[in-house]
Amino acid sequence: MSAKDPADRSLIASIAAHISWGRTPNRAARTEAARQAALDRFEAQVPPEVVDPAARAAAAENLRRAYYKTLARKSAQARKAKKAKLLR
């Protein structure tokens, strides 16, 4: 297999990721910026007239939960459709 083979490239990338994470002393610090950016995304969707910080945080949390529940619903629908297709 050459490095041009998709399966080999995937394996090489997986090995590199395991090495990288194995050498990471503080995993939470490494991913903090990404987690904060994700939270900021939902905070930006809160209407500007909500000015109380606690109310904004609660609204952002509701938007976050709605987003992930929507993803879960779409995933379940896709699995159901795939299963129905296989049973035909």
C-alpha atoms as a PDB file:
ATOM      1  CA  MET A   1       0.000   0.000   0.000  1.00  0.00           C
ATOM      2  CA  SER A   2       1.211   3.459  -0.798  1.00  0.00           C
ATOM      3  CA  ALA A   3       0.489   6.658   1.094  1.00  0.00           C
ATOM      4  CA  LYS A   4      -1.872   7.528  -1.767  1.00  0.00           C
ATOM      5  CA  ASP A   5      -4.175   4.674  -0.764  1.00  0.00           C
ATOM      6  CA  PRO A   6      -7.079   6.184   1.240  1.00  0.00           C
ATOM      7  CA  ALA A   7      -7.080   3.369   3.804  1.00  0.00           C
ATOM      8  CA  ASP A   8      -3.325   3.750   4.375  1.00  0.00           C
ATOM      9  CA  ARG A   9      -3.606   7.529   4.652  1.00  0.00           C
ATOM     10  CA  SER A  10      -6.386   7.119   7.198  1.00  0.00           C
ATOM     11  CA  LEU A  11      -4.284   4.693   9.242  1.00  0.00           C
ATOM     12  CA  ILE A  12      -1.265   7.020   9.121  1.00  0.00           C
ATOM     13  CA  ALA A  13      -3.438   9.937  10.280  1.00  0.00           C
ATOM     14  CA  SER A  14      -4.901   7.845  13.092  1.00  0.00           C
ATOM     15  CA  ILE A  15      -1.428   6.839  14.283  1.00  0.00           C
ATOM     16  CA  ALA A  16      -0.303  10.471  14.193  1.00  0.00           C
ATOM     17  CA  ALA A  17      -3.360  11.564  16.180  1.00  0.00           C
ATOM     18  CA  HIS A  18      -2.718   8.931  18.859  1.00  0.00           C
ATOM     19  CA  ILE A  19       0.921  10.006  19.121  1.00  0.00           C
ATOM     20  CA  SER A  20      -0.081  13.661  19.342  1.00  0.00           C
ATOM     21  CA  TRP A  21      -2.675  13.050  22.065  1.00  0.00           C
ATOM     22  CA  GLY A  22      -0.260  10.748  23.886  1.00  0.00           C
ATOM     23  CA  ARG A  23       2.225  13.608  24.097  1.00  0.00           C
ATOM     24  CA  THR A  24      -0.352  16.145  25.255  1.00  0.00           C
ATOM     25  CA  PRO A  25      -0.005  16.744  29.007  1.00  0.00           C
ATOM     26  CA  ASN A  26      -3.165  18.871  29.374  1.00  0.00           C
ATOM     27  CA  ARG A  27      -5.967  17.765  27.052  1.00  0.00           C
ATOM     28  CA  ALA A  28      -8.462  20.315  28.348  1.00  0.00           C
ATOM     29  CA  ALA A  29      -6.078  23.199  27.666  1.00  0.00           C
ATOM     30  CA  ARG A  30      -5.409  21.916  24.156  1.00  0.00           C
ATOM     31  CA  THR A  31      -9.099  21.985  23.234  1.00  0.00           C
ATOM     32  CA  GLU A  32     -10.179  25.044  25.247  1.00  0.00           C
ATOM     33  CA  ALA A  33     -10.148  27.452  22.295  1.00  0.00           C
ATOM     34  CA  ALA A  34     -12.360  25.185  20.198  1.00  0.00           C
ATOM     35  CA  ARG A  35     -14.831  24.640  23.055  1.00  0.00           C
ATOM     36  CA  GLN A  36     -15.020  28.372  23.693  1.00  0.00           C
ATOM     37  CA  ALA A  37     -15.582  29.098  19.997  1.00  0.00           C
ATOM     38  CA  ALA A  38     -18.459  26.609  19.964  1.00  0.00           C
ATOM     39  CA  LEU A  39     -20.053  28.289  22.981  1.00  0.00           C
ATOM     40  CA  ASP A  40     -19.515  31.733  21.472  1.00  0.00           C
ATOM     41  CA  ARG A  41     -21.385  30.602  18.366  1.00  0.00           C
ATOM     42  CA  PHE A  42     -24.555  30.050  20.376  1.00  0.00           C
ATOM     43  CA  GLU A  43     -24.034  33.197  22.446  1.00  0.00           C
ATOM     44  CA  ALA A  44     -23.970  35.189  19.186  1.00  0.00           C
ATOM     45  CA  GLN A  45     -27.402  33.784  18.277  1.00  0.00           C
ATOM     46  CA  VAL A  46     -29.036  35.185  21.427  1.00  0.00           C
ATOM     47  CA  PRO A  47     -31.070  38.319  20.607  1.00  0.00           C
ATOM     48  CA  PRO A  48     -29.226  41.525  21.551  1.00  0.00           C
ATOM     49  CA  GLU A  49     -32.129  42.726  23.702  1.00  0.00           C
ATOM     50  CA  VAL A  50     -31.299  39.981  26.222  1.00  0.00           C
ATOM     51  CA  VAL A  51     -28.730  41.888  28.244  1.00  0.00           C
ATOM     52  CA  ASP A  52     -28.625  40.076  31.604  1.00  0.00           C
ATOM     53  CA  PRO A  53     -25.528  37.798  31.519  1.00  0.00           C
ATOM     54  CA  ALA A  54     -27.306  34.942  33.296  1.00  0.00           C
ATOM     55  CA  ALA A  55     -30.269  35.160  30.926  1.00  0.00           C
ATOM     56  CA  ARG A  56     -27.921  35.265  27.904  1.00  0.00           C
ATOM     57  CA  ALA A  57     -26.055  32.209  29.174  1.00  0.00           C
ATOM     58  CA  ALA A  58     -29.326  30.332  29.723  1.00  0.00           C
ATOM     59  CA  ALA A  59     -30.578  31.282  26.258  1.00  0.00           C
ATOM     60  CA  ALA A  60     -27.277  30.214  24.667  1.00  0.00           C
ATOM     61  CA  GLU A  61     -27.499  26.891  26.503  1.00  0.00           C
ATOM     62  CA  ASN A  62     -31.031  26.365  25.178  1.00  0.00           C
ATOM     63  CA  LEU A  63     -29.843  27.115  21.646  1.00  0.00           C
ATOM     64  CA  ARG A  64     -26.946  24.688  22.094  1.00  0.00           C
ATOM     65  CA  ARG A  65     -29.251  21.924  23.320  1.00  0.00           C
ATOM     66  CA  ALA A  66     -31.698  22.543  20.471  1.00  0.00           C
ATOM     67  CA  TYR A  67     -28.858  22.328  17.945  1.00  0.00           C
ATOM     68  CA  TYR A  68     -27.581  19.003  19.268  1.00  0.00           C
ATOM     69  CA  LYS A  69     -31.075  17.537  19.583  1.00  0.00           C
ATOM     70  CA  THR A  70     -31.686  18.512  15.958  1.00  0.00           C
ATOM     71  CA  LEU A  71     -28.478  16.712  14.962  1.00  0.00           C
ATOM     72  CA  ALA A  72     -29.540  13.645  16.947  1.00  0.00           C
ATOM     73  CA  ARG A  73     -32.955  13.663  15.274  1.00  0.00           C
ATOM     74  CA  LYS A  74     -31.418  13.895  11.799  1.00  0.00           C
ATOM     75  CA  SER A  75     -29.027  11.077  12.648  1.00  0.00           C
ATOM     76  CA  ALA A  76     -31.874   8.868  13.851  1.00  0.00           C
ATOM     77  CA  GLN A  77     -33.853   9.620  10.697  1.00  0.00           C
ATOM     78  CA  ALA A  78     -30.856   8.727   8.521  1.00  0.00           C
ATOM     79  CA  ARG A  79     -30.318   5.447  10.397  1.00  0.00           C
ATOM     80  CA  LYS A  80     -34.009   4.605  10.078  1.00  0.00           C
ATOM     81  CA  ALA A  81     -33.978   5.335   6.339  1.00  0.00           C
ATOM     82  CA  LYS A  82     -30.825   3.278   5.857  1.00  0.00           C
ATOM     83  CA  LYS A  83     -32.340   0.364   7.770  1.00  0.00           C
ATOM     84  CA  ALA A  84     -35.559   0.558   5.731  1.00  0.00           C
ATOM     85  CA  LYS A  85     -33.520   0.565   2.525  1.00  0.00           C
ATOM     86  CA  LEU A  86     -31.608  -2.538   3.626  1.00  0.00           C
ATOM     87  CA  LEU A  87     -34.821  -4.394   4.477  1.00  0.00           C
ATOM     88  CA  ARG A  88     -36.319  -3.861   1.011  1.00  0.00           C
END
